[in-house]
Amino acid sequence: MNAADLASLLCSRLCHDLMSPVGALNNGIELMADEQDPEMREKCLELLGESARASANKLKFFRLAFGAAGGFGDSIDTREAQAALEGVFGRERRIELGWIVAGDKLPKGAIKLLLNLALLAGDALVRGGRLDVGAESSDDMLELVIRAEGPRILLDPTLRETLLNGQANGAVEPRAAGAWLAHSLAAEAGGSIQLSDPSAETLLIGAALPLQD
């Protein structure tokens, strides 16, 4: 896959995720234009506010997870990454988020990898649950760990295969673009990704990256 193909797939994912909140914004504006009842107008304003926040949160997340990171030599404040993830899997969602990341900063590429892995694990919690995100430096390695637990976990076999091995049969499906990006980030950093065996209630994703001098 070349850079243009990956950009196209990631843009498709971004558009898909923004369709719902942006559509709700449009519906709210149309309702406001015709509605005269004060109580209904108040509800329309609430809808507009919620949709605007959802759109902004998704854009902040994708800016970090999919945007140009500048390589593993630069770093990002981990609190920014935490806020971006909380914006996607916040209190309004059925997912409880735990953030266990040591240190104030991580390499930008590691942040992108961490967020993409967290997004895949969070999406796998189809009925909600808990998502724990951790990172810790040990010796000359940076270890990333994502743990998803819930009543039903569904990680598509295509995503699993792409995470572990990259492109299958020379092509990547649009829904697997994030998994391919995660695999590529780990490989380019000289690291690897590990996955737990399919389980009914728990999913573990780990990545080990060599620390740069």
N, C-alpha and C. Protein backbone atom coordinates (compact mmCIF):
# COMPACT_ATOMS: atom_id res chain seq x y z
N MET A 1 0.85 -1.19 0.00
CA MET A 1 0.00 0.00 0.00
C MET A 1 0.88 1.24 0.00
N ASN A 2 0.58 2.20 -0.88
CA ASN A 2 1.35 3.44 -0.90
C ASN A 2 0.69 4.49 -0.01
N ALA A 3 1.36 5.63 0.15
CA ALA A 3 0.88 6.67 1.05
C ALA A 3 -0.49 7.21 0.63
N ALA A 4 -0.70 7.34 -0.69
CA ALA A 4 -1.98 7.87 -1.17
C ALA A 4 -3.13 6.93 -0.84
N ASP A 5 -2.89 5.62 -0.97
CA ASP A 5 -3.93 4.65 -0.65
C ASP A 5 -4.27 4.70 0.84
N LEU A 6 -3.23 4.77 1.69
CA LEU A 6 -3.47 4.83 3.13
C LEU A 6 -4.22 6.10 3.49
N ALA A 7 -3.84 7.23 2.91
CA ALA A 7 -4.53 8.49 3.20
C ALA A 7 -6.00 8.39 2.82
N SER A 8 -6.28 7.75 1.68
CA SER A 8 -7.66 7.59 1.24
C SER A 8 -8.46 6.75 2.22
N LEU A 9 -7.87 5.65 2.69
CA LEU A 9 -8.56 4.78 3.63
C LEU A 9 -8.82 5.48 4.97
N LEU A 10 -7.83 6.23 5.45
CA LEU A 10 -7.99 6.92 6.72
C LEU A 10 -9.02 8.04 6.60
N CYS A 11 -9.05 8.72 5.46
CA CYS A 11 -10.08 9.74 5.24
C CYS A 11 -11.47 9.12 5.23
N SER A 12 -11.59 7.93 4.65
CA SER A 12 -12.87 7.24 4.65
C SER A 12 -13.32 6.94 6.07
N ARG A 13 -12.39 6.50 6.92
CA ARG A 13 -12.72 6.21 8.32
C ARG A 13 -13.15 7.48 9.04
N LEU A 14 -12.42 8.57 8.80
CA LEU A 14 -12.76 9.85 9.43
C LEU A 14 -14.15 10.31 9.02
N CYS A 15 -14.44 10.25 7.72
CA CYS A 15 -15.75 10.68 7.22
C CYS A 15 -16.86 9.81 7.81
N HIS A 16 -16.61 8.51 7.89
CA HIS A 16 -17.61 7.59 8.45
C HIS A 16 -17.94 7.96 9.90
N ASP A 17 -16.91 8.25 10.70
CA ASP A 17 -17.12 8.54 12.11
C ASP A 17 -17.73 9.91 12.35
N LEU A 18 -17.51 10.84 11.41
CA LEU A 18 -18.07 12.19 11.57
C LEU A 18 -19.48 12.32 10.99
N MET A 19 -19.91 11.33 10.22
CA MET A 19 -21.20 11.42 9.54
C MET A 19 -22.34 11.61 10.54
N SER A 20 -22.33 10.84 11.64
CA SER A 20 -23.42 10.90 12.59
C SER A 20 -23.50 12.24 13.32
N PRO A 21 -22.42 12.73 13.97
CA PRO A 21 -22.54 14.00 14.68
C PRO A 21 -22.77 15.19 13.76
N VAL A 22 -22.17 15.18 12.58
CA VAL A 22 -22.39 16.29 11.64
C VAL A 22 -23.82 16.26 11.11
N GLY A 23 -24.34 15.05 10.85
CA GLY A 23 -25.74 14.94 10.43
C GLY A 23 -26.69 15.43 11.50
N ALA A 24 -26.36 15.13 12.78
CA ALA A 24 -27.20 15.62 13.88
C ALA A 24 -27.15 17.14 13.97
N LEU A 25 -25.99 17.73 13.70
CA LEU A 25 -25.90 19.19 13.67
C LEU A 25 -26.82 19.78 12.60
N ASN A 26 -26.79 19.18 11.44
CA ASN A 26 -27.64 19.65 10.34
C ASN A 26 -29.12 19.53 10.69
N ASN A 27 -29.50 18.40 11.29
CA ASN A 27 -30.90 18.21 11.68
C ASN A 27 -31.32 19.22 12.74
N GLY A 28 -30.42 19.48 13.70
CA GLY A 28 -30.73 20.43 14.75
C GLY A 28 -30.93 21.84 14.22
N ILE A 29 -30.11 22.23 13.26
CA ILE A 29 -30.24 23.57 12.65
C ILE A 29 -31.55 23.69 11.89
N GLU A 30 -31.92 22.62 11.17
CA GLU A 30 -33.18 22.65 10.43
C GLU A 30 -34.37 22.75 11.39
N LEU A 31 -34.31 22.02 12.50
CA LEU A 31 -35.39 22.09 13.49
C LEU A 31 -35.48 23.48 14.12
N MET A 32 -34.33 24.07 14.41
CA MET A 32 -34.32 25.41 15.01
C MET A 32 -34.96 26.44 14.09
N ALA A 33 -34.77 26.27 12.78
CA ALA A 33 -35.29 27.24 11.83
C ALA A 33 -36.81 27.26 11.80
N ASP A 34 -37.44 26.12 12.09
CA ASP A 34 -38.89 26.02 11.99
C ASP A 34 -39.60 25.99 13.35
N GLU A 35 -38.87 25.74 14.42
CA GLU A 35 -39.49 25.55 15.73
C GLU A 35 -39.68 26.87 16.47
N GLN A 36 -40.88 27.09 17.00
CA GLN A 36 -41.19 28.30 17.74
C GLN A 36 -41.37 28.05 19.24
N ASP A 37 -41.63 26.80 19.61
CA ASP A 37 -41.85 26.48 21.01
C ASP A 37 -40.53 26.60 21.80
N PRO A 38 -40.50 27.40 22.88
CA PRO A 38 -39.24 27.61 23.63
C PRO A 38 -38.64 26.32 24.17
N GLU A 39 -39.48 25.41 24.65
CA GLU A 39 -38.96 24.17 25.21
C GLU A 39 -38.30 23.31 24.13
N MET A 40 -38.93 23.24 22.96
CA MET A 40 -38.36 22.47 21.87
C MET A 40 -37.08 23.11 21.34
N ARG A 41 -37.05 24.44 21.32
CA ARG A 41 -35.83 25.13 20.88
C ARG A 41 -34.68 24.85 21.85
N GLU A 42 -35.01 24.75 23.15
CA GLU A 42 -33.98 24.42 24.14
C GLU A 42 -33.42 23.02 23.89
N LYS A 43 -34.31 22.09 23.55
CA LYS A 43 -33.85 20.74 23.24
C LYS A 43 -32.99 20.72 21.98
N CYS A 44 -33.35 21.54 21.01
CA CYS A 44 -32.55 21.64 19.79
C CYS A 44 -31.15 22.16 20.09
N LEU A 45 -31.08 23.15 20.98
CA LEU A 45 -29.78 23.69 21.37
C LEU A 45 -28.92 22.63 22.07
N GLU A 46 -29.57 21.81 22.90
CA GLU A 46 -28.84 20.73 23.57
C GLU A 46 -28.30 19.74 22.54
N LEU A 47 -29.13 19.42 21.55
CA LEU A 47 -28.70 18.51 20.48
C LEU A 47 -27.52 19.09 19.71
N LEU A 48 -27.60 20.39 19.41
CA LEU A 48 -26.51 21.03 18.68
C LEU A 48 -25.22 21.02 19.50
N GLY A 49 -25.35 21.29 20.79
CA GLY A 49 -24.17 21.30 21.65
C GLY A 49 -23.51 19.93 21.74
N GLU A 50 -24.32 18.90 21.94
CA GLU A 50 -23.79 17.53 22.03
C GLU A 50 -23.12 17.11 20.72
N SER A 51 -23.74 17.44 19.60
CA SER A 51 -23.19 17.05 18.31
C SER A 51 -21.89 17.81 18.01
N ALA A 52 -21.85 19.09 18.38
CA ALA A 52 -20.64 19.87 18.17
C ALA A 52 -19.48 19.33 19.00
N ARG A 53 -19.76 18.96 20.26
CA ARG A 53 -18.71 18.39 21.11
C ARG A 53 -18.22 17.06 20.56
N ALA A 54 -19.16 16.22 20.10
CA ALA A 54 -18.77 14.92 19.55
C ALA A 54 -17.89 15.09 18.31
N SER A 55 -18.25 16.04 17.46
CA SER A 55 -17.45 16.28 16.24
C SER A 55 -16.05 16.77 16.61
N ALA A 56 -15.98 17.73 17.54
CA ALA A 56 -14.68 18.27 17.95
C ALA A 56 -13.82 17.19 18.59
N ASN A 57 -14.43 16.35 19.44
CA ASN A 57 -13.68 15.28 20.11
C ASN A 57 -13.10 14.29 19.11
N LYS A 58 -13.90 13.91 18.12
CA LYS A 58 -13.41 12.97 17.12
C LYS A 58 -12.28 13.57 16.29
N LEU A 59 -12.40 14.85 15.95
CA LEU A 59 -11.35 15.49 15.17
C LEU A 59 -10.06 15.58 15.97
N LYS A 60 -10.14 15.90 17.26
CA LYS A 60 -8.95 15.96 18.11
C LYS A 60 -8.27 14.59 18.18
N PHE A 61 -9.10 13.55 18.32
CA PHE A 61 -8.54 12.20 18.40
C PHE A 61 -7.85 11.83 17.09
N PHE A 62 -8.53 12.00 15.97
CA PHE A 62 -7.96 11.57 14.70
C PHE A 62 -6.75 12.41 14.31
N ARG A 63 -6.69 13.66 14.78
CA ARG A 63 -5.51 14.48 14.51
C ARG A 63 -4.27 13.83 15.10
N LEU A 64 -4.41 13.27 16.31
CA LEU A 64 -3.28 12.60 16.95
C LEU A 64 -3.07 11.19 16.42
N ALA A 65 -4.16 10.45 16.24
CA ALA A 65 -4.04 9.03 15.87
C ALA A 65 -3.67 8.83 14.41
N PHE A 66 -4.18 9.67 13.51
CA PHE A 66 -3.97 9.50 12.08
C PHE A 66 -3.11 10.60 11.46
N GLY A 67 -2.95 11.73 12.14
CA GLY A 67 -2.24 12.86 11.55
C GLY A 67 -0.75 12.63 11.47
N ALA A 68 -0.05 13.53 10.76
CA ALA A 68 1.40 13.43 10.62
C ALA A 68 2.04 13.59 11.98
N ALA A 69 2.78 12.57 12.40
CA ALA A 69 3.33 12.57 13.75
C ALA A 69 4.75 13.09 13.84
N GLY A 70 5.47 13.17 12.74
CA GLY A 70 6.82 13.70 12.78
C GLY A 70 7.88 12.71 13.22
N GLY A 71 7.54 11.42 13.27
CA GLY A 71 8.54 10.40 13.59
C GLY A 71 8.70 10.15 15.07
N PHE A 72 9.50 9.17 15.40
CA PHE A 72 9.69 8.75 16.79
C PHE A 72 10.66 9.64 17.54
N GLY A 73 11.28 10.61 16.85
CA GLY A 73 12.22 11.49 17.54
C GLY A 73 11.56 12.59 18.32
N ASP A 74 10.33 12.94 17.98
CA ASP A 74 9.59 13.99 18.66
C ASP A 74 8.62 13.38 19.66
N SER A 75 8.15 14.20 20.58
CA SER A 75 7.30 13.68 21.64
C SER A 75 6.02 14.49 21.78
N ILE A 76 5.03 13.89 22.47
CA ILE A 76 3.73 14.51 22.72
C ILE A 76 3.41 14.34 24.19
N ASP A 77 2.78 15.34 24.77
CA ASP A 77 2.33 15.28 26.15
C ASP A 77 1.27 14.17 26.27
N THR A 78 1.49 13.24 27.17
CA THR A 78 0.56 12.12 27.30
C THR A 78 -0.81 12.57 27.77
N ARG A 79 -0.89 13.72 28.44
CA ARG A 79 -2.20 14.22 28.86
C ARG A 79 -3.05 14.62 27.67
N GLU A 80 -2.41 15.08 26.60
CA GLU A 80 -3.14 15.41 25.38
C GLU A 80 -3.74 14.14 24.76
N ALA A 81 -2.95 13.08 24.76
CA ALA A 81 -3.45 11.81 24.24
C ALA A 81 -4.58 11.27 25.10
N GLN A 82 -4.44 11.38 26.41
CA GLN A 82 -5.49 10.92 27.31
C GLN A 82 -6.79 11.68 27.07
N ALA A 83 -6.69 13.00 26.94
CA ALA A 83 -7.89 13.81 26.70
C ALA A 83 -8.54 13.44 25.37
N ALA A 84 -7.73 13.16 24.36
CA ALA A 84 -8.28 12.78 23.05
C ALA A 84 -9.03 11.46 23.15
N LEU A 85 -8.47 10.51 23.88
CA LEU A 85 -9.12 9.21 24.02
C LEU A 85 -10.38 9.32 24.86
N GLU A 86 -10.35 10.13 25.91
CA GLU A 86 -11.53 10.32 26.74
C GLU A 86 -12.65 10.99 25.94
N GLY A 87 -12.28 11.82 24.98
CA GLY A 87 -13.29 12.46 24.14
C GLY A 87 -14.06 11.47 23.29
N VAL A 88 -13.38 10.39 22.88
CA VAL A 88 -14.03 9.36 22.06
C VAL A 88 -14.76 8.34 22.92
N PHE A 89 -14.10 7.90 24.00
CA PHE A 89 -14.70 6.93 24.91
C PHE A 89 -14.94 7.62 26.26
N GLY A 90 -15.82 8.59 26.27
CA GLY A 90 -16.08 9.36 27.48
C GLY A 90 -17.26 8.82 28.27
N ARG A 91 -17.74 9.66 29.18
CA ARG A 91 -18.82 9.24 30.07
C ARG A 91 -20.12 8.96 29.33
N GLU A 92 -20.28 9.60 28.17
CA GLU A 92 -21.52 9.38 27.43
C GLU A 92 -21.54 8.01 26.75
N ARG A 93 -20.38 7.37 26.66
CA ARG A 93 -20.31 6.04 26.07
C ARG A 93 -20.44 4.98 27.15
N ARG A 94 -20.62 3.75 26.73
CA ARG A 94 -20.75 2.63 27.66
C ARG A 94 -19.41 2.00 27.99
N ILE A 95 -18.35 2.76 27.82
CA ILE A 95 -17.01 2.24 28.07
C ILE A 95 -16.34 3.05 29.16
N GLU A 96 -15.88 2.36 30.20
CA GLU A 96 -15.12 2.99 31.28
C GLU A 96 -13.64 2.95 30.91
N LEU A 97 -13.00 4.11 30.95
CA LEU A 97 -11.62 4.22 30.49
C LEU A 97 -10.65 4.32 31.66
N GLY A 98 -9.59 3.50 31.63
CA GLY A 98 -8.51 3.59 32.60
C GLY A 98 -7.23 3.99 31.89
N TRP A 99 -6.50 4.96 32.43
CA TRP A 99 -5.28 5.47 31.79
C TRP A 99 -4.12 5.25 32.74
N ILE A 100 -3.21 4.36 32.38
CA ILE A 100 -2.08 4.00 33.23
C ILE A 100 -0.80 4.16 32.40
N VAL A 101 -0.44 5.40 32.15
CA VAL A 101 0.70 5.71 31.31
C VAL A 101 1.76 6.42 32.15
N ALA A 102 2.94 5.82 32.23
CA ALA A 102 4.02 6.41 33.01
C ALA A 102 4.74 7.48 32.20
N GLY A 103 5.00 8.63 32.84
CA GLY A 103 5.72 9.69 32.16
C GLY A 103 4.80 10.75 31.58
N ASP A 104 5.35 11.95 31.43
CA ASP A 104 4.58 13.08 30.90
C ASP A 104 4.60 13.14 29.38
N LYS A 105 5.58 12.50 28.76
CA LYS A 105 5.70 12.56 27.31
C LYS A 105 6.04 11.19 26.76
N LEU A 106 5.60 10.95 25.52
CA LEU A 106 5.96 9.75 24.77
C LEU A 106 6.31 10.17 23.34
N PRO A 107 7.13 9.37 22.64
CA PRO A 107 7.38 9.67 21.23
C PRO A 107 6.07 9.76 20.46
N LYS A 108 6.05 10.66 19.48
CA LYS A 108 4.81 10.87 18.73
C LYS A 108 4.33 9.59 18.04
N GLY A 109 5.26 8.84 17.48
CA GLY A 109 4.86 7.59 16.83
C GLY A 109 4.26 6.60 17.81
N ALA A 110 4.80 6.59 19.03
CA ALA A 110 4.26 5.69 20.06
C ALA A 110 2.86 6.13 20.47
N ILE A 111 2.64 7.44 20.55
CA ILE A 111 1.30 7.95 20.86
C ILE A 111 0.31 7.53 19.78
N LYS A 112 0.70 7.67 18.51
CA LYS A 112 -0.18 7.26 17.42
C LYS A 112 -0.50 5.78 17.52
N LEU A 113 0.52 4.98 17.79
CA LEU A 113 0.31 3.53 17.91
C LEU A 113 -0.61 3.23 19.08
N LEU A 114 -0.37 3.86 20.21
CA LEU A 114 -1.19 3.62 21.41
C LEU A 114 -2.65 3.96 21.14
N LEU A 115 -2.90 5.09 20.51
CA LEU A 115 -4.28 5.52 20.24
C LEU A 115 -4.97 4.62 19.23
N ASN A 116 -4.25 4.19 18.21
CA ASN A 116 -4.86 3.29 17.23
C ASN A 116 -5.20 1.94 17.84
N LEU A 117 -4.31 1.43 18.68
CA LEU A 117 -4.60 0.16 19.35
C LEU A 117 -5.79 0.30 20.30
N ALA A 118 -5.84 1.43 21.01
CA ALA A 118 -6.96 1.68 21.93
C ALA A 118 -8.28 1.80 21.17
N LEU A 119 -8.24 2.45 20.02
CA LEU A 119 -9.46 2.59 19.22
C LEU A 119 -9.96 1.23 18.75
N LEU A 120 -9.06 0.38 18.29
CA LEU A 120 -9.44 -0.96 17.85
C LEU A 120 -10.04 -1.77 18.99
N ALA A 121 -9.40 -1.69 20.17
CA ALA A 121 -9.91 -2.44 21.32
C ALA A 121 -11.24 -1.88 21.79
N GLY A 122 -11.38 -0.56 21.79
CA GLY A 122 -12.64 0.05 22.20
C GLY A 122 -13.78 -0.30 21.26
N ASP A 123 -13.50 -0.30 19.96
CA ASP A 123 -14.52 -0.68 18.98
C ASP A 123 -14.93 -2.13 19.14
N ALA A 124 -14.01 -2.97 19.66
CA ALA A 124 -14.32 -4.38 19.85
C ALA A 124 -15.29 -4.62 21.02
N LEU A 125 -15.43 -3.61 21.91
CA LEU A 125 -16.36 -3.73 23.03
C LEU A 125 -17.77 -3.37 22.55
N VAL A 126 -18.38 -4.27 21.82
CA VAL A 126 -19.64 -3.97 21.14
C VAL A 126 -20.80 -3.74 22.12
N ARG A 127 -20.69 -4.25 23.35
CA ARG A 127 -21.73 -4.02 24.35
C ARG A 127 -21.19 -3.23 25.54
N GLY A 128 -20.11 -2.50 25.32
CA GLY A 128 -19.53 -1.71 26.39
C GLY A 128 -18.63 -2.53 27.28
N GLY A 129 -18.06 -1.87 28.27
CA GLY A 129 -17.17 -2.56 29.18
C GLY A 129 -16.10 -1.61 29.70
N ARG A 130 -14.91 -2.13 29.91
CA ARG A 130 -13.80 -1.34 30.43
C ARG A 130 -12.61 -1.44 29.49
N LEU A 131 -11.96 -0.28 29.29
CA LEU A 131 -10.79 -0.20 28.43
C LEU A 131 -9.65 0.42 29.23
N ASP A 132 -8.59 -0.36 29.46
CA ASP A 132 -7.41 0.13 30.18
C ASP A 132 -6.27 0.30 29.20
N VAL A 133 -5.62 1.47 29.28
CA VAL A 133 -4.54 1.82 28.38
C VAL A 133 -3.29 2.11 29.20
N GLY A 134 -2.21 1.39 28.93
CA GLY A 134 -1.00 1.55 29.72
C GLY A 134 0.25 1.65 28.87
N ALA A 135 1.28 2.32 29.42
CA ALA A 135 2.58 2.43 28.76
C ALA A 135 3.64 2.61 29.82
N GLU A 136 4.77 1.92 29.63
CA GLU A 136 5.85 1.99 30.61
C GLU A 136 7.17 1.65 29.94
N SER A 137 8.21 2.39 30.32
CA SER A 137 9.55 2.13 29.81
C SER A 137 10.25 1.12 30.72
N SER A 138 10.89 0.14 30.08
CA SER A 138 11.61 -0.88 30.83
C SER A 138 12.90 -1.19 30.09
N ASP A 139 14.06 -0.98 30.76
CA ASP A 139 15.37 -1.15 30.12
C ASP A 139 15.43 -0.26 28.86
N ASP A 140 15.59 -0.87 27.70
CA ASP A 140 15.68 -0.11 26.46
C ASP A 140 14.41 -0.25 25.62
N MET A 141 13.30 -0.65 26.24
CA MET A 141 12.06 -0.88 25.51
C MET A 141 10.92 -0.03 26.09
N LEU A 142 10.03 0.37 25.21
CA LEU A 142 8.78 1.00 25.61
C LEU A 142 7.67 -0.01 25.39
N GLU A 143 6.97 -0.34 26.45
CA GLU A 143 5.92 -1.35 26.37
C GLU A 143 4.55 -0.70 26.45
N LEU A 144 3.71 -1.02 25.48
CA LEU A 144 2.33 -0.52 25.43
C LEU A 144 1.39 -1.70 25.66
N VAL A 145 0.36 -1.48 26.48
CA VAL A 145 -0.59 -2.55 26.77
C VAL A 145 -2.01 -1.99 26.74
N ILE A 146 -2.88 -2.66 26.02
CA ILE A 146 -4.30 -2.31 25.97
C ILE A 146 -5.09 -3.52 26.45
N ARG A 147 -5.99 -3.29 27.40
CA ARG A 147 -6.82 -4.39 27.92
C ARG A 147 -8.29 -3.98 27.81
N ALA A 148 -9.06 -4.78 27.08
CA ALA A 148 -10.49 -4.54 26.92
C ALA A 148 -11.25 -5.69 27.56
N GLU A 149 -12.23 -5.34 28.38
CA GLU A 149 -13.02 -6.36 29.08
C GLU A 149 -14.49 -5.97 29.02
N GLY A 150 -15.34 -6.91 28.64
CA GLY A 150 -16.76 -6.62 28.56
C GLY A 150 -17.57 -7.88 28.29
N PRO A 151 -18.90 -7.74 28.29
CA PRO A 151 -19.76 -8.91 28.10
C PRO A 151 -19.65 -9.54 26.71
N ARG A 152 -19.23 -8.73 25.71
CA ARG A 152 -19.01 -9.30 24.38
C ARG A 152 -17.90 -8.52 23.68
N ILE A 153 -16.90 -9.25 23.23
CA ILE A 153 -15.78 -8.64 22.51
C ILE A 153 -15.71 -9.23 21.11
N LEU A 154 -15.67 -8.36 20.12
CA LEU A 154 -15.66 -8.81 18.73
C LEU A 154 -14.57 -8.07 17.97
N LEU A 155 -13.43 -8.73 17.80
CA LEU A 155 -12.35 -8.20 16.97
C LEU A 155 -12.32 -9.02 15.69
N ASP A 156 -12.68 -8.38 14.60
CA ASP A 156 -12.79 -9.07 13.32
C ASP A 156 -11.47 -9.79 12.97
N PRO A 157 -11.55 -11.01 12.47
CA PRO A 157 -10.34 -11.75 12.09
C PRO A 157 -9.45 -10.98 11.11
N THR A 158 -10.07 -10.17 10.24
CA THR A 158 -9.27 -9.38 9.30
C THR A 158 -8.43 -8.34 10.03
N LEU A 159 -9.01 -7.71 11.06
CA LEU A 159 -8.26 -6.74 11.85
C LEU A 159 -7.14 -7.44 12.62
N ARG A 160 -7.44 -8.59 13.17
CA ARG A 160 -6.43 -9.36 13.91
C ARG A 160 -5.26 -9.71 12.99
N GLU A 161 -5.57 -10.21 11.81
CA GLU A 161 -4.52 -10.60 10.86
C GLU A 161 -3.70 -9.39 10.41
N THR A 162 -4.38 -8.26 10.18
CA THR A 162 -3.68 -7.06 9.72
C THR A 162 -2.76 -6.51 10.82
N LEU A 163 -3.24 -6.52 12.06
CA LEU A 163 -2.42 -6.06 13.17
C LEU A 163 -1.12 -6.86 13.28
N LEU A 164 -1.24 -8.16 13.12
CA LEU A 164 -0.08 -9.03 13.32
C LEU A 164 0.82 -9.10 12.10
N ASN A 165 0.24 -9.08 10.90
CA ASN A 165 1.03 -9.38 9.69
C ASN A 165 0.96 -8.30 8.62
N GLY A 166 0.20 -7.23 8.83
CA GLY A 166 0.12 -6.18 7.82
C GLY A 166 -0.80 -6.57 6.68
N GLN A 167 -0.42 -6.20 5.46
CA GLN A 167 -1.26 -6.44 4.31
C GLN A 167 -1.46 -7.93 4.05
N ALA A 168 -2.71 -8.28 3.76
CA ALA A 168 -3.03 -9.66 3.38
C ALA A 168 -3.40 -9.68 1.90
N ASN A 169 -2.72 -10.53 1.14
CA ASN A 169 -2.98 -10.65 -0.30
C ASN A 169 -2.80 -9.33 -1.04
N GLY A 170 -1.90 -8.48 -0.53
CA GLY A 170 -1.57 -7.24 -1.22
C GLY A 170 -2.61 -6.16 -1.11
N ALA A 171 -3.62 -6.31 -0.26
CA ALA A 171 -4.67 -5.30 -0.15
C ALA A 171 -5.09 -5.14 1.29
N VAL A 172 -5.63 -3.96 1.59
CA VAL A 172 -6.14 -3.67 2.92
C VAL A 172 -7.56 -3.13 2.78
N GLU A 173 -8.49 -3.71 3.51
CA GLU A 173 -9.86 -3.22 3.47
C GLU A 173 -9.95 -1.90 4.22
N PRO A 174 -10.88 -1.02 3.82
CA PRO A 174 -11.01 0.27 4.50
C PRO A 174 -11.16 0.15 6.01
N ARG A 175 -11.92 -0.83 6.48
CA ARG A 175 -12.14 -0.98 7.92
C ARG A 175 -10.88 -1.41 8.66
N ALA A 176 -9.88 -1.88 7.92
CA ALA A 176 -8.64 -2.32 8.54
C ALA A 176 -7.52 -1.30 8.42
N ALA A 177 -7.84 -0.09 7.99
CA ALA A 177 -6.80 0.92 7.78
C ALA A 177 -6.07 1.25 9.08
N GLY A 178 -6.82 1.39 10.18
CA GLY A 178 -6.19 1.69 11.46
C GLY A 178 -5.29 0.57 11.93
N ALA A 179 -5.70 -0.67 11.69
CA ALA A 179 -4.89 -1.82 12.07
C ALA A 179 -3.61 -1.87 11.24
N TRP A 180 -3.72 -1.55 9.96
CA TRP A 180 -2.53 -1.54 9.11
C TRP A 180 -1.58 -0.43 9.54
N LEU A 181 -2.13 0.74 9.88
CA LEU A 181 -1.29 1.84 10.35
C LEU A 181 -0.57 1.44 11.63
N ALA A 182 -1.28 0.80 12.56
CA ALA A 182 -0.66 0.36 13.81
C ALA A 182 0.47 -0.63 13.54
N HIS A 183 0.21 -1.60 12.67
CA HIS A 183 1.24 -2.58 12.32
C HIS A 183 2.46 -1.88 11.72
N SER A 184 2.23 -0.93 10.84
CA SER A 184 3.32 -0.23 10.17
C SER A 184 4.13 0.60 11.15
N LEU A 185 3.44 1.28 12.08
CA LEU A 185 4.14 2.10 13.07
C LEU A 185 5.06 1.24 13.93
N ALA A 186 4.55 0.09 14.36
CA ALA A 186 5.37 -0.80 15.18
C ALA A 186 6.55 -1.35 14.38
N ALA A 187 6.32 -1.76 13.15
CA ALA A 187 7.38 -2.33 12.33
C ALA A 187 8.46 -1.29 12.02
N GLU A 188 8.04 -0.06 11.68
CA GLU A 188 9.00 0.98 11.35
C GLU A 188 9.86 1.36 12.55
N ALA A 189 9.33 1.19 13.75
CA ALA A 189 10.09 1.50 14.96
C ALA A 189 10.94 0.32 15.42
N GLY A 190 10.89 -0.78 14.67
CA GLY A 190 11.66 -1.96 15.05
C GLY A 190 11.00 -2.77 16.14
N GLY A 191 9.68 -2.59 16.31
CA GLY A 191 8.95 -3.29 17.36
C GLY A 191 8.00 -4.32 16.82
N SER A 192 7.11 -4.79 17.68
CA SER A 192 6.16 -5.82 17.30
C SER A 192 4.89 -5.67 18.11
N ILE A 193 3.81 -6.28 17.62
CA ILE A 193 2.51 -6.27 18.28
C ILE A 193 2.13 -7.70 18.63
N GLN A 194 1.59 -7.87 19.83
CA GLN A 194 1.10 -9.18 20.27
C GLN A 194 -0.39 -9.07 20.60
N LEU A 195 -1.10 -10.16 20.34
CA LEU A 195 -2.54 -10.23 20.61
C LEU A 195 -2.86 -11.47 21.43
N SER A 196 -3.77 -11.33 22.37
CA SER A 196 -4.24 -12.50 23.10
C SER A 196 -5.12 -13.35 22.18
N ASP A 197 -5.26 -14.61 22.53
CA ASP A 197 -6.15 -15.48 21.78
C ASP A 197 -7.59 -14.99 21.94
N PRO A 198 -8.44 -15.24 20.93
CA PRO A 198 -9.84 -14.83 21.06
C PRO A 198 -10.46 -15.32 22.36
N SER A 199 -11.15 -14.43 23.05
CA SER A 199 -11.76 -14.76 24.34
C SER A 199 -13.13 -14.11 24.43
N ALA A 200 -13.98 -14.66 25.25
CA ALA A 200 -15.34 -14.14 25.37
C ALA A 200 -15.39 -12.79 26.07
N GLU A 201 -14.50 -12.56 27.03
CA GLU A 201 -14.65 -11.36 27.86
C GLU A 201 -13.41 -10.48 27.97
N THR A 202 -12.28 -10.89 27.43
CA THR A 202 -11.05 -10.11 27.59
C THR A 202 -10.25 -10.11 26.30
N LEU A 203 -9.72 -8.92 25.96
CA LEU A 203 -8.83 -8.77 24.82
C LEU A 203 -7.59 -8.02 25.30
N LEU A 204 -6.41 -8.57 25.03
CA LEU A 204 -5.15 -7.93 25.37
C LEU A 204 -4.37 -7.67 24.09
N ILE A 205 -3.91 -6.42 23.94
CA ILE A 205 -3.04 -6.05 22.82
C ILE A 205 -1.79 -5.42 23.41
N GLY A 206 -0.65 -5.92 23.02
CA GLY A 206 0.61 -5.39 23.51
C GLY A 206 1.53 -5.00 22.38
N ALA A 207 2.40 -4.06 22.63
CA ALA A 207 3.41 -3.66 21.66
C ALA A 207 4.69 -3.33 22.40
N ALA A 208 5.82 -3.76 21.85
CA ALA A 208 7.13 -3.47 22.44
C ALA A 208 7.96 -2.73 21.40
N LEU A 209 8.42 -1.53 21.76
CA LEU A 209 9.17 -0.68 20.85
C LEU A 209 10.53 -0.36 21.44
N PRO A 210 11.61 -0.52 20.67
CA PRO A 210 12.92 -0.11 21.16
C PRO A 210 12.96 1.39 21.38
N LEU A 211 13.53 1.82 22.48
CA LEU A 211 13.69 3.24 22.75
C LEU A 211 14.84 3.79 21.93
N GLN A 212 14.61 4.97 21.34
CA GLN A 212 15.64 5.60 20.52
C GLN A 212 16.61 6.37 21.41
N ASP A 213 17.89 6.38 21.02
CA ASP A 213 18.89 7.12 21.77
C ASP A 213 18.70 8.62 21.57
